[in-house]
């Protein structure tokens, strides 16, 4: 293939700029979008070869973009690029039609290679995520319903996972491109919803559900 046309869909402008700077010369970034509505419009107007798709963003997230675009018959290929490495996020977007899923810890060179492979029709996953997909499609059982987990927003789940991994509030803020105050707000909300008292109890709760 020649130069691959890419659309970046992510609700953080700073992250979009960083991705642009990291991609190689064989990749042409033809546009950006920050939410579901602008993503759907941009894909229709610009006709990219590959869409780099964030999983969690305003308007319904990556799965909603997949549903609306692929449901219209579009042949564009999607590569999910997310801070989340949770099994439910990976499985959700792959079932929605994405060709791959990589985390935001990926290097620029690795991301360029992943984009090229997806454009050529391959499926691409960060190493530890491939097992989630294989397990999900090998099993016909529906995942158990967890009312407590379902009560949390996607962003609250992301904060919870990072808390359970031992991240400090400042580290979480940097990882998720949000302020420390916003992190504190999310933690307070999670504690209230789960009726827990502190971050140590949060860590135990998350570990028991294999969210870490």
N, C-alpha and C. Protein backbone atom coordinates (compact mmCIF):
# COMPACT_ATOMS: atom_id res chain seq x y z
N UNK A 1 0.83 -1.20 0.00
CA UNK A 1 0.00 0.00 0.00
C UNK A 1 0.86 1.25 0.00
N UNK A 2 0.29 2.36 -0.49
CA UNK A 2 0.99 3.63 -0.44
C UNK A 2 0.75 4.30 0.89
N UNK A 3 0.59 5.61 0.86
CA UNK A 3 0.32 6.35 2.10
C UNK A 3 -1.08 6.02 2.60
N UNK A 4 -1.20 5.70 3.88
CA UNK A 4 -2.48 5.31 4.47
C UNK A 4 -3.13 6.53 5.09
N UNK A 5 -4.38 6.77 4.74
CA UNK A 5 -5.13 7.92 5.27
C UNK A 5 -5.80 7.53 6.59
N UNK A 6 -5.53 8.32 7.63
CA UNK A 6 -6.01 7.98 8.98
C UNK A 6 -6.80 9.14 9.57
N UNK A 7 -7.89 8.79 10.25
CA UNK A 7 -8.67 9.74 11.04
C UNK A 7 -8.47 9.39 12.51
N UNK A 8 -8.13 10.38 13.34
CA UNK A 8 -7.93 10.16 14.78
C UNK A 8 -9.18 10.60 15.52
N UNK A 9 -9.77 9.68 16.28
CA UNK A 9 -10.97 9.97 17.06
C UNK A 9 -10.64 9.80 18.55
N UNK A 10 -10.57 10.92 19.26
CA UNK A 10 -10.25 10.90 20.69
C UNK A 10 -10.71 12.22 21.28
N UNK A 11 -11.21 12.19 22.51
CA UNK A 11 -11.76 13.42 23.09
C UNK A 11 -10.71 14.30 23.78
N UNK A 12 -9.43 13.95 23.65
CA UNK A 12 -8.37 14.77 24.23
C UNK A 12 -7.50 15.35 23.12
N UNK A 13 -7.57 16.66 22.94
CA UNK A 13 -6.83 17.32 21.86
C UNK A 13 -5.33 17.10 21.98
N UNK A 14 -4.82 17.15 23.21
CA UNK A 14 -3.39 16.97 23.44
C UNK A 14 -2.94 15.59 22.99
N UNK A 15 -3.75 14.59 23.27
CA UNK A 15 -3.40 13.23 22.85
C UNK A 15 -3.43 13.12 21.32
N UNK A 16 -4.44 13.71 20.68
CA UNK A 16 -4.51 13.67 19.22
C UNK A 16 -3.25 14.29 18.60
N UNK A 17 -2.81 15.40 19.15
CA UNK A 17 -1.61 16.07 18.65
C UNK A 17 -0.39 15.17 18.82
N UNK A 18 -0.33 14.49 19.95
CA UNK A 18 0.79 13.59 20.21
C UNK A 18 0.84 12.44 19.22
N UNK A 19 -0.32 11.87 18.89
CA UNK A 19 -0.38 10.78 17.92
C UNK A 19 0.09 11.26 16.56
N UNK A 20 -0.37 12.44 16.15
CA UNK A 20 0.07 13.01 14.86
C UNK A 20 1.59 13.07 14.78
N UNK A 21 2.20 13.53 15.87
CA UNK A 21 3.65 13.72 15.89
C UNK A 21 4.41 12.40 15.86
N UNK A 22 3.79 11.33 16.34
CA UNK A 22 4.48 10.05 16.47
C UNK A 22 4.40 9.17 15.22
N UNK A 23 3.40 9.41 14.37
CA UNK A 23 3.19 8.52 13.23
C UNK A 23 4.23 8.76 12.14
N UNK A 24 4.59 7.69 11.44
CA UNK A 24 5.62 7.77 10.40
C UNK A 24 5.13 8.43 9.13
N UNK A 25 6.06 8.58 8.18
CA UNK A 25 5.76 9.26 6.92
C UNK A 25 4.77 8.49 6.05
N UNK A 26 4.63 7.20 6.31
CA UNK A 26 3.72 6.38 5.49
C UNK A 26 2.26 6.56 5.91
N UNK A 27 2.03 7.37 6.96
CA UNK A 27 0.69 7.61 7.46
C UNK A 27 0.33 9.08 7.27
N UNK A 28 -0.81 9.34 6.67
CA UNK A 28 -1.30 10.71 6.51
C UNK A 28 -2.54 10.91 7.37
N UNK A 29 -2.43 11.77 8.37
CA UNK A 29 -3.59 12.08 9.22
C UNK A 29 -4.44 13.11 8.47
N UNK A 30 -5.62 12.69 8.03
CA UNK A 30 -6.46 13.56 7.21
C UNK A 30 -7.52 14.29 8.01
N UNK A 31 -7.63 13.98 9.31
CA UNK A 31 -8.63 14.67 10.13
C UNK A 31 -8.66 14.15 11.54
N UNK A 32 -9.42 14.86 12.38
CA UNK A 32 -9.59 14.50 13.78
C UNK A 32 -11.05 14.67 14.17
N UNK A 33 -11.47 13.94 15.21
CA UNK A 33 -12.81 14.10 15.76
C UNK A 33 -12.73 13.87 17.26
N UNK A 34 -13.64 14.52 18.02
CA UNK A 34 -13.54 14.46 19.48
C UNK A 34 -14.72 13.78 20.15
N UNK A 35 -15.75 13.43 19.38
CA UNK A 35 -16.90 12.75 19.97
C UNK A 35 -17.59 11.93 18.89
N UNK A 36 -18.67 11.25 19.26
CA UNK A 36 -19.34 10.34 18.34
C UNK A 36 -19.87 11.07 17.11
N UNK A 37 -20.57 12.19 17.32
CA UNK A 37 -21.18 12.90 16.19
C UNK A 37 -20.14 13.40 15.20
N UNK A 38 -19.09 14.04 15.70
CA UNK A 38 -18.07 14.56 14.79
C UNK A 38 -17.31 13.42 14.11
N UNK A 39 -17.17 12.28 14.79
CA UNK A 39 -16.50 11.13 14.18
C UNK A 39 -17.30 10.57 13.02
N UNK A 40 -18.60 10.39 13.23
CA UNK A 40 -19.45 9.85 12.17
C UNK A 40 -19.44 10.76 10.95
N UNK A 41 -19.52 12.08 11.18
CA UNK A 41 -19.49 13.04 10.08
C UNK A 41 -18.16 13.00 9.33
N UNK A 42 -17.07 13.00 10.10
CA UNK A 42 -15.75 13.04 9.48
C UNK A 42 -15.46 11.78 8.66
N UNK A 43 -15.89 10.64 9.15
CA UNK A 43 -15.68 9.39 8.41
C UNK A 43 -16.43 9.42 7.09
N UNK A 44 -17.66 9.92 7.11
CA UNK A 44 -18.46 10.00 5.89
C UNK A 44 -17.86 10.98 4.89
N UNK A 45 -17.34 12.11 5.39
CA UNK A 45 -16.82 13.16 4.51
C UNK A 45 -15.42 12.85 3.98
N UNK A 46 -14.55 12.30 4.85
CA UNK A 46 -13.13 12.16 4.50
C UNK A 46 -12.76 10.78 3.96
N UNK A 47 -13.57 9.78 4.25
CA UNK A 47 -13.33 8.41 3.77
C UNK A 47 -11.90 7.93 4.07
N UNK A 48 -11.53 7.85 5.34
CA UNK A 48 -10.18 7.37 5.69
C UNK A 48 -10.02 5.88 5.42
N UNK A 49 -8.77 5.44 5.33
CA UNK A 49 -8.50 4.00 5.21
C UNK A 49 -8.65 3.33 6.58
N UNK A 50 -8.17 4.02 7.62
CA UNK A 50 -8.21 3.47 8.98
C UNK A 50 -8.64 4.58 9.94
N UNK A 51 -9.49 4.23 10.89
CA UNK A 51 -9.89 5.15 11.96
C UNK A 51 -9.25 4.68 13.25
N UNK A 52 -8.46 5.57 13.87
CA UNK A 52 -7.94 5.30 15.22
C UNK A 52 -9.02 5.73 16.19
N UNK A 53 -9.59 4.78 16.93
CA UNK A 53 -10.82 5.03 17.68
C UNK A 53 -10.63 4.86 19.18
N UNK A 54 -10.88 5.94 19.93
CA UNK A 54 -10.89 5.84 21.39
C UNK A 54 -12.15 5.09 21.83
N UNK A 55 -12.07 4.38 22.93
CA UNK A 55 -13.20 3.58 23.40
C UNK A 55 -14.20 4.42 24.19
N UNK A 56 -13.70 5.32 25.04
CA UNK A 56 -14.56 6.11 25.92
C UNK A 56 -14.49 7.58 25.55
N UNK A 57 -15.61 8.14 25.14
CA UNK A 57 -15.69 9.56 24.79
C UNK A 57 -17.15 9.98 24.77
N UNK A 58 -17.41 11.29 24.71
CA UNK A 58 -18.79 11.77 24.76
C UNK A 58 -19.66 11.26 23.61
N UNK A 59 -20.91 11.00 23.92
CA UNK A 59 -21.88 10.64 22.89
C UNK A 59 -22.10 9.17 22.70
N UNK A 60 -21.49 8.33 23.54
CA UNK A 60 -21.73 6.89 23.41
C UNK A 60 -20.49 6.06 23.24
N UNK A 61 -19.35 6.69 22.99
CA UNK A 61 -18.09 5.95 22.91
C UNK A 61 -17.85 5.27 21.58
N UNK A 62 -16.73 4.54 21.53
CA UNK A 62 -16.32 3.88 20.29
C UNK A 62 -17.32 2.89 19.75
N UNK A 63 -18.01 2.18 20.63
CA UNK A 63 -18.98 1.19 20.15
C UNK A 63 -20.12 1.85 19.38
N UNK A 64 -20.51 3.06 19.79
CA UNK A 64 -21.57 3.76 19.07
C UNK A 64 -21.09 4.21 17.69
N UNK A 65 -19.85 4.65 17.59
CA UNK A 65 -19.29 5.01 16.28
C UNK A 65 -19.29 3.78 15.37
N UNK A 66 -18.84 2.67 15.88
CA UNK A 66 -18.82 1.43 15.09
C UNK A 66 -20.22 1.05 14.63
N UNK A 67 -21.17 1.13 15.53
CA UNK A 67 -22.55 0.74 15.19
C UNK A 67 -23.09 1.60 14.06
N UNK A 68 -22.90 2.90 14.16
CA UNK A 68 -23.47 3.81 13.18
C UNK A 68 -22.74 3.77 11.84
N UNK A 69 -21.43 3.66 11.87
CA UNK A 69 -20.67 3.69 10.62
C UNK A 69 -20.75 2.35 9.89
N UNK A 70 -20.45 1.26 10.59
CA UNK A 70 -20.48 -0.05 9.94
C UNK A 70 -21.90 -0.48 9.62
N UNK A 71 -22.85 0.01 10.41
CA UNK A 71 -24.25 -0.30 10.13
C UNK A 71 -24.75 0.34 8.85
N UNK A 72 -24.06 1.37 8.38
CA UNK A 72 -24.44 2.04 7.13
C UNK A 72 -23.81 1.39 5.91
N UNK A 73 -23.00 0.35 6.15
CA UNK A 73 -22.37 -0.36 5.03
C UNK A 73 -20.96 0.11 4.71
N UNK A 74 -20.41 1.00 5.49
CA UNK A 74 -19.05 1.51 5.24
C UNK A 74 -18.02 0.39 5.36
N UNK A 75 -16.98 0.46 4.54
CA UNK A 75 -15.91 -0.54 4.56
C UNK A 75 -14.66 -0.05 5.30
N UNK A 76 -14.74 1.12 5.94
CA UNK A 76 -13.60 1.66 6.66
C UNK A 76 -13.16 0.70 7.76
N UNK A 77 -11.87 0.65 8.04
CA UNK A 77 -11.35 -0.25 9.08
C UNK A 77 -11.04 0.55 10.33
N UNK A 78 -11.33 -0.05 11.48
CA UNK A 78 -11.15 0.61 12.77
C UNK A 78 -10.07 -0.09 13.59
N UNK A 79 -9.21 0.72 14.21
CA UNK A 79 -8.24 0.24 15.18
C UNK A 79 -8.49 0.99 16.48
N UNK A 80 -8.92 0.28 17.52
CA UNK A 80 -9.17 0.92 18.82
C UNK A 80 -7.84 1.25 19.48
N UNK A 81 -7.76 2.47 20.02
CA UNK A 81 -6.57 2.94 20.72
C UNK A 81 -7.04 3.56 22.03
N UNK A 82 -6.80 2.87 23.15
CA UNK A 82 -7.41 3.29 24.41
C UNK A 82 -6.47 3.13 25.59
N UNK A 83 -6.72 3.91 26.64
CA UNK A 83 -6.00 3.74 27.89
C UNK A 83 -6.47 2.48 28.62
N UNK A 84 -7.68 2.04 28.30
CA UNK A 84 -8.26 0.89 28.99
C UNK A 84 -7.76 -0.43 28.40
N UNK A 85 -7.40 -1.36 29.28
CA UNK A 85 -7.07 -2.72 28.82
C UNK A 85 -8.01 -3.73 29.48
N UNK A 86 -9.22 -3.26 29.82
CA UNK A 86 -10.21 -4.13 30.46
C UNK A 86 -10.84 -5.06 29.42
N UNK A 87 -11.08 -6.29 29.83
CA UNK A 87 -11.60 -7.30 28.92
C UNK A 87 -12.92 -6.87 28.28
N UNK A 88 -13.81 -6.26 29.09
CA UNK A 88 -15.12 -5.91 28.53
C UNK A 88 -15.02 -4.83 27.45
N UNK A 89 -14.03 -3.93 27.59
CA UNK A 89 -13.84 -2.90 26.57
C UNK A 89 -13.29 -3.50 25.28
N UNK A 90 -12.28 -4.36 25.42
CA UNK A 90 -11.68 -5.01 24.25
C UNK A 90 -12.72 -5.82 23.49
N UNK A 91 -13.42 -6.66 24.22
CA UNK A 91 -14.40 -7.56 23.59
C UNK A 91 -15.54 -6.76 22.96
N UNK A 92 -15.98 -5.69 23.63
CA UNK A 92 -17.09 -4.88 23.12
C UNK A 92 -16.80 -4.27 21.77
N UNK A 93 -15.62 -3.67 21.60
CA UNK A 93 -15.33 -3.02 20.31
C UNK A 93 -14.99 -4.03 19.22
N UNK A 94 -14.40 -5.15 19.60
CA UNK A 94 -14.12 -6.18 18.58
C UNK A 94 -15.42 -6.79 18.08
N UNK A 95 -16.34 -7.04 18.99
CA UNK A 95 -17.64 -7.54 18.56
C UNK A 95 -18.38 -6.49 17.73
N UNK A 96 -18.07 -5.22 18.01
CA UNK A 96 -18.70 -4.14 17.25
C UNK A 96 -18.14 -3.97 15.85
N UNK A 97 -16.99 -4.59 15.58
CA UNK A 97 -16.45 -4.56 14.22
C UNK A 97 -15.05 -3.99 14.07
N UNK A 98 -14.39 -3.59 15.17
CA UNK A 98 -13.01 -3.09 15.07
C UNK A 98 -12.08 -4.23 14.66
N UNK A 99 -11.02 -3.89 13.91
CA UNK A 99 -10.06 -4.90 13.45
C UNK A 99 -8.92 -5.12 14.42
N UNK A 100 -8.83 -4.28 15.44
CA UNK A 100 -7.75 -4.44 16.39
C UNK A 100 -7.93 -3.55 17.60
N UNK A 101 -7.09 -3.74 18.59
CA UNK A 101 -7.18 -2.97 19.83
C UNK A 101 -5.77 -2.88 20.42
N UNK A 102 -5.28 -1.66 20.57
CA UNK A 102 -3.97 -1.45 21.20
C UNK A 102 -4.13 -0.40 22.29
N UNK A 103 -3.25 -0.46 23.27
CA UNK A 103 -3.33 0.50 24.37
C UNK A 103 -2.44 1.70 24.11
N UNK A 104 -2.69 2.78 24.86
CA UNK A 104 -1.99 4.04 24.62
C UNK A 104 -0.54 4.02 25.12
N UNK A 105 -0.08 2.89 25.63
CA UNK A 105 1.33 2.76 25.99
C UNK A 105 2.17 2.37 24.76
N UNK A 106 1.54 2.15 23.63
CA UNK A 106 2.22 1.71 22.41
C UNK A 106 3.15 2.81 21.90
N UNK A 107 4.27 2.42 21.30
CA UNK A 107 5.21 3.40 20.74
C UNK A 107 4.72 3.88 19.38
N UNK A 108 5.26 5.00 18.92
CA UNK A 108 4.88 5.52 17.61
C UNK A 108 5.17 4.55 16.49
N UNK A 109 6.33 3.89 16.54
CA UNK A 109 6.69 2.94 15.51
C UNK A 109 5.74 1.74 15.52
N UNK A 110 5.40 1.26 16.72
CA UNK A 110 4.48 0.12 16.82
C UNK A 110 3.08 0.50 16.33
N UNK A 111 2.65 1.73 16.63
CA UNK A 111 1.33 2.18 16.19
C UNK A 111 1.29 2.31 14.67
N UNK A 112 2.35 2.83 14.09
CA UNK A 112 2.42 2.93 12.63
C UNK A 112 2.30 1.56 11.99
N UNK A 113 3.00 0.58 12.57
CA UNK A 113 2.94 -0.79 12.05
C UNK A 113 1.55 -1.38 12.22
N UNK A 114 0.91 -1.12 13.37
CA UNK A 114 -0.44 -1.64 13.63
C UNK A 114 -1.44 -1.06 12.63
N UNK A 115 -1.32 0.23 12.34
CA UNK A 115 -2.22 0.88 11.37
C UNK A 115 -2.05 0.24 9.99
N UNK A 116 -0.81 0.04 9.58
CA UNK A 116 -0.55 -0.56 8.27
C UNK A 116 -1.13 -1.97 8.20
N UNK A 117 -0.96 -2.74 9.25
CA UNK A 117 -1.48 -4.11 9.24
C UNK A 117 -3.00 -4.13 9.18
N UNK A 118 -3.65 -3.24 9.93
CA UNK A 118 -5.12 -3.17 9.89
C UNK A 118 -5.59 -2.75 8.49
N UNK A 119 -4.89 -1.79 7.89
CA UNK A 119 -5.24 -1.34 6.53
C UNK A 119 -5.13 -2.48 5.53
N UNK A 120 -4.21 -3.40 5.78
CA UNK A 120 -4.02 -4.55 4.88
C UNK A 120 -4.96 -5.70 5.19
N UNK A 121 -5.77 -5.55 6.25
CA UNK A 121 -6.77 -6.56 6.55
C UNK A 121 -6.45 -7.48 7.71
N UNK A 122 -5.30 -7.25 8.36
CA UNK A 122 -4.94 -8.09 9.51
C UNK A 122 -5.69 -7.63 10.77
N UNK A 123 -5.72 -8.50 11.76
CA UNK A 123 -6.22 -8.15 13.10
C UNK A 123 -5.01 -7.92 14.00
N UNK A 124 -5.05 -6.85 14.79
CA UNK A 124 -3.89 -6.46 15.59
C UNK A 124 -4.31 -6.21 17.05
N UNK A 125 -3.55 -6.78 17.98
CA UNK A 125 -3.83 -6.58 19.40
C UNK A 125 -2.54 -6.39 20.18
N UNK A 126 -2.60 -5.56 21.22
CA UNK A 126 -1.50 -5.53 22.18
C UNK A 126 -1.40 -6.93 22.78
N UNK A 127 -0.18 -7.40 23.06
CA UNK A 127 0.04 -8.81 23.42
C UNK A 127 -0.91 -9.40 24.45
N UNK A 128 -1.12 -8.73 25.58
CA UNK A 128 -1.93 -9.34 26.64
C UNK A 128 -3.42 -9.30 26.34
N UNK A 129 -3.83 -8.52 25.33
CA UNK A 129 -5.25 -8.39 25.03
C UNK A 129 -5.77 -9.49 24.12
N UNK A 130 -4.88 -10.13 23.37
CA UNK A 130 -5.32 -11.17 22.43
C UNK A 130 -6.04 -12.30 23.16
N UNK A 131 -5.57 -12.62 24.37
CA UNK A 131 -6.19 -13.70 25.14
C UNK A 131 -7.63 -13.41 25.48
N UNK A 132 -7.95 -12.13 25.76
CA UNK A 132 -9.34 -11.77 26.06
C UNK A 132 -10.25 -12.12 24.88
N UNK A 133 -9.77 -11.78 23.69
CA UNK A 133 -10.58 -11.99 22.48
C UNK A 133 -10.75 -13.48 22.21
N UNK A 134 -9.66 -14.23 22.31
CA UNK A 134 -9.75 -15.67 22.08
C UNK A 134 -10.70 -16.33 23.08
N UNK A 135 -10.60 -15.94 24.35
CA UNK A 135 -11.48 -16.51 25.37
C UNK A 135 -12.93 -16.15 25.11
N UNK A 136 -13.18 -14.91 24.71
CA UNK A 136 -14.55 -14.44 24.50
C UNK A 136 -15.22 -15.17 23.36
N UNK A 137 -14.49 -15.35 22.26
CA UNK A 137 -15.11 -15.96 21.09
C UNK A 137 -15.09 -17.48 21.16
N UNK A 138 -14.33 -18.02 22.11
CA UNK A 138 -14.35 -19.48 22.31
C UNK A 138 -15.48 -19.89 23.23
N UNK A 139 -16.03 -18.91 23.96
CA UNK A 139 -17.09 -19.20 24.93
C UNK A 139 -18.43 -18.67 24.44
N UNK A 140 -19.46 -19.44 24.64
CA UNK A 140 -20.81 -19.01 24.26
C UNK A 140 -21.58 -18.50 25.47
N UNK A 141 -20.93 -18.55 26.63
CA UNK A 141 -21.62 -18.10 27.84
C UNK A 141 -21.62 -16.59 27.94
N UNK A 142 -22.74 -16.03 28.34
CA UNK A 142 -22.81 -14.59 28.55
C UNK A 142 -22.11 -14.23 29.84
N UNK A 143 -21.41 -13.08 29.88
CA UNK A 143 -20.73 -12.70 31.12
C UNK A 143 -21.74 -12.45 32.23
N UNK A 144 -21.40 -12.79 33.48
CA UNK A 144 -22.33 -12.58 34.58
C UNK A 144 -22.64 -11.11 34.79
N UNK A 145 -23.85 -10.82 35.21
CA UNK A 145 -24.26 -9.44 35.47
C UNK A 145 -23.77 -9.03 36.85
N UNK A 146 -23.14 -7.87 36.93
CA UNK A 146 -22.63 -7.35 38.19
C UNK A 146 -23.26 -5.97 38.38
N UNK A 147 -24.34 -5.87 39.16
CA UNK A 147 -25.04 -4.59 39.32
C UNK A 147 -24.15 -3.49 39.86
N UNK A 148 -23.23 -3.82 40.78
CA UNK A 148 -22.35 -2.80 41.34
C UNK A 148 -21.42 -2.24 40.26
N UNK A 149 -20.82 -3.13 39.48
CA UNK A 149 -19.93 -2.69 38.41
C UNK A 149 -20.70 -1.89 37.36
N UNK A 150 -21.90 -2.34 37.05
CA UNK A 150 -22.72 -1.66 36.04
C UNK A 150 -23.13 -0.26 36.50
N UNK A 151 -23.10 -0.01 37.80
CA UNK A 151 -23.50 1.31 38.30
C UNK A 151 -22.43 2.36 38.06
N UNK A 152 -21.21 1.93 37.73
CA UNK A 152 -20.10 2.85 37.50
C UNK A 152 -20.05 3.30 36.05
N UNK A 153 -19.68 4.55 35.84
CA UNK A 153 -19.48 5.03 34.48
C UNK A 153 -18.15 4.46 33.95
N UNK A 154 -17.95 4.57 32.63
CA UNK A 154 -16.71 4.07 32.06
C UNK A 154 -15.49 4.78 32.65
N UNK A 155 -15.59 6.09 32.83
CA UNK A 155 -14.47 6.84 33.39
C UNK A 155 -14.20 6.43 34.83
N UNK A 156 -15.26 6.17 35.59
CA UNK A 156 -15.07 5.72 36.97
C UNK A 156 -14.38 4.36 37.01
N UNK A 157 -14.69 3.50 36.05
CA UNK A 157 -14.03 2.20 35.98
C UNK A 157 -12.54 2.36 35.68
N UNK A 158 -12.22 3.28 34.78
CA UNK A 158 -10.81 3.52 34.44
C UNK A 158 -10.04 4.00 35.67
N UNK A 159 -10.63 4.95 36.40
CA UNK A 159 -9.99 5.46 37.61
C UNK A 159 -9.84 4.34 38.63
N UNK A 160 -10.87 3.53 38.79
CA UNK A 160 -10.84 2.41 39.74
C UNK A 160 -9.71 1.44 39.42
N UNK A 161 -9.54 1.10 38.15
CA UNK A 161 -8.48 0.15 37.78
C UNK A 161 -7.09 0.71 38.11
N UNK A 162 -6.91 2.00 37.83
CA UNK A 162 -5.61 2.60 38.10
C UNK A 162 -5.35 2.73 39.61
N UNK A 163 -6.40 3.03 40.37
CA UNK A 163 -6.28 3.05 41.84
C UNK A 163 -5.83 1.67 42.32
N UNK A 164 -6.47 0.63 41.79
CA UNK A 164 -6.16 -0.74 42.22
C UNK A 164 -4.74 -1.14 41.83
N UNK A 165 -4.19 -0.51 40.80
CA UNK A 165 -2.81 -0.82 40.39
C UNK A 165 -1.78 -0.01 41.16
N UNK A 166 -2.27 0.83 42.09
CA UNK A 166 -1.35 1.56 42.95
C UNK A 166 -0.96 2.93 42.46
N UNK A 167 -1.65 3.44 41.43
CA UNK A 167 -1.35 4.77 40.91
C UNK A 167 -1.73 5.85 41.93
N UNK A 168 -0.92 6.89 42.04
CA UNK A 168 -1.27 8.06 42.83
C UNK A 168 -2.24 8.92 42.03
N UNK A 169 -2.96 9.83 42.70
CA UNK A 169 -3.93 10.67 42.00
C UNK A 169 -3.29 11.46 40.86
N UNK A 170 -2.08 11.99 41.09
CA UNK A 170 -1.40 12.76 40.05
C UNK A 170 -1.07 11.88 38.85
N UNK A 171 -0.70 10.63 39.10
CA UNK A 171 -0.38 9.69 38.01
C UNK A 171 -1.63 9.34 37.21
N UNK A 172 -2.75 9.17 37.92
CA UNK A 172 -4.02 8.88 37.24
C UNK A 172 -4.42 10.07 36.37
N UNK A 173 -4.27 11.27 36.90
CA UNK A 173 -4.63 12.48 36.15
C UNK A 173 -3.81 12.56 34.87
N UNK A 174 -2.53 12.26 34.95
CA UNK A 174 -1.65 12.31 33.77
C UNK A 174 -2.03 11.22 32.77
N UNK A 175 -2.33 10.03 33.26
CA UNK A 175 -2.66 8.89 32.40
C UNK A 175 -3.96 9.12 31.63
N UNK A 176 -4.94 9.75 32.29
CA UNK A 176 -6.27 9.92 31.69
C UNK A 176 -6.49 11.33 31.12
N UNK A 177 -5.46 12.18 31.21
CA UNK A 177 -5.56 13.55 30.68
C UNK A 177 -6.69 14.33 31.36
N UNK A 178 -6.78 14.19 32.68
CA UNK A 178 -7.78 14.94 33.44
C UNK A 178 -7.07 15.58 34.64
N UNK A 179 -7.76 16.44 35.37
CA UNK A 179 -7.15 17.12 36.52
C UNK A 179 -7.20 16.22 37.75
N UNK A 180 -6.34 16.54 38.72
CA UNK A 180 -6.33 15.81 39.98
C UNK A 180 -7.68 15.96 40.69
N UNK A 181 -8.24 17.15 40.61
CA UNK A 181 -9.56 17.39 41.23
C UNK A 181 -10.63 16.49 40.63
N UNK A 182 -10.57 16.29 39.31
CA UNK A 182 -11.53 15.41 38.65
C UNK A 182 -11.32 13.97 39.10
N UNK A 183 -10.07 13.57 39.28
CA UNK A 183 -9.79 12.22 39.79
C UNK A 183 -10.42 12.05 41.16
N UNK A 184 -10.23 13.03 42.02
CA UNK A 184 -10.79 12.97 43.37
C UNK A 184 -12.32 12.86 43.34
N UNK A 185 -12.92 13.59 42.42
CA UNK A 185 -14.39 13.54 42.27
C UNK A 185 -14.84 12.14 41.87
N UNK A 186 -14.11 11.53 40.92
CA UNK A 186 -14.47 10.18 40.47
C UNK A 186 -14.29 9.16 41.60
N UNK A 187 -13.21 9.29 42.35
CA UNK A 187 -12.97 8.35 43.46
C UNK A 187 -14.07 8.47 44.51
N UNK A 188 -14.45 9.69 44.82
CA UNK A 188 -15.54 9.89 45.81
C UNK A 188 -16.84 9.27 45.33
N UNK A 189 -17.10 9.42 44.03
CA UNK A 189 -18.32 8.85 43.45
C UNK A 189 -18.31 7.33 43.52
N UNK A 190 -17.15 6.73 43.19
CA UNK A 190 -17.03 5.27 43.23
C UNK A 190 -17.19 4.75 44.66
N UNK A 191 -16.54 5.41 45.60
CA UNK A 191 -16.67 5.00 47.01
C UNK A 191 -18.12 5.04 47.46
N UNK A 192 -18.82 6.09 47.06
CA UNK A 192 -20.24 6.24 47.45
C UNK A 192 -21.09 5.15 46.82
N UNK A 193 -20.91 4.91 45.54
CA UNK A 193 -21.73 3.91 44.84
C UNK A 193 -21.48 2.50 45.36
N UNK A 194 -20.23 2.20 45.68
CA UNK A 194 -19.89 0.85 46.13
C UNK A 194 -19.97 0.70 47.65
N UNK A 195 -20.25 1.82 48.33
CA UNK A 195 -20.35 1.83 49.79
C UNK A 195 -19.05 1.33 50.44
N UNK A 196 -17.95 1.87 49.96
CA UNK A 196 -16.64 1.55 50.50
C UNK A 196 -16.05 2.78 51.18
N UNK A 197 -15.00 2.60 51.97
CA UNK A 197 -14.49 3.69 52.79
C UNK A 197 -13.20 4.33 52.31
N UNK A 198 -12.34 3.56 51.62
CA UNK A 198 -11.04 4.09 51.25
C UNK A 198 -10.48 3.37 50.02
N UNK A 199 -9.32 3.84 49.54
CA UNK A 199 -8.75 3.29 48.31
C UNK A 199 -8.27 1.85 48.50
N UNK A 200 -7.92 1.46 49.73
CA UNK A 200 -7.51 0.08 49.97
C UNK A 200 -8.68 -0.88 49.76
N UNK A 201 -9.85 -0.49 50.23
CA UNK A 201 -11.05 -1.31 50.00
C UNK A 201 -11.39 -1.34 48.52
N UNK A 202 -11.19 -0.20 47.83
CA UNK A 202 -11.42 -0.16 46.38
C UNK A 202 -10.51 -1.16 45.66
N UNK A 203 -9.25 -1.19 46.07
CA UNK A 203 -8.28 -2.10 45.45
C UNK A 203 -8.70 -3.56 45.62
N UNK A 204 -9.12 -3.90 46.84
CA UNK A 204 -9.56 -5.27 47.10
C UNK A 204 -10.80 -5.62 46.28
N UNK A 205 -11.72 -4.65 46.18
CA UNK A 205 -12.96 -4.87 45.41
C UNK A 205 -12.63 -5.13 43.95
N UNK A 206 -11.73 -4.31 43.39
CA UNK A 206 -11.37 -4.45 41.98
C UNK A 206 -10.63 -5.75 41.72
N UNK A 207 -9.74 -6.10 42.64
CA UNK A 207 -8.97 -7.34 42.48
C UNK A 207 -9.86 -8.56 42.52
N UNK A 208 -10.85 -8.55 43.41
CA UNK A 208 -11.78 -9.67 43.52
C UNK A 208 -12.57 -9.90 42.23
N UNK A 209 -12.75 -8.82 41.47
CA UNK A 209 -13.49 -8.93 40.20
C UNK A 209 -12.58 -8.97 38.98
N UNK A 210 -11.30 -9.14 39.25
CA UNK A 210 -10.29 -9.27 38.19
C UNK A 210 -10.30 -8.07 37.24
N UNK A 211 -10.46 -6.88 37.80
CA UNK A 211 -10.46 -5.68 36.98
C UNK A 211 -9.06 -5.09 36.85
N UNK A 212 -8.12 -5.59 37.63
CA UNK A 212 -6.78 -5.00 37.66
C UNK A 212 -5.96 -5.46 36.47
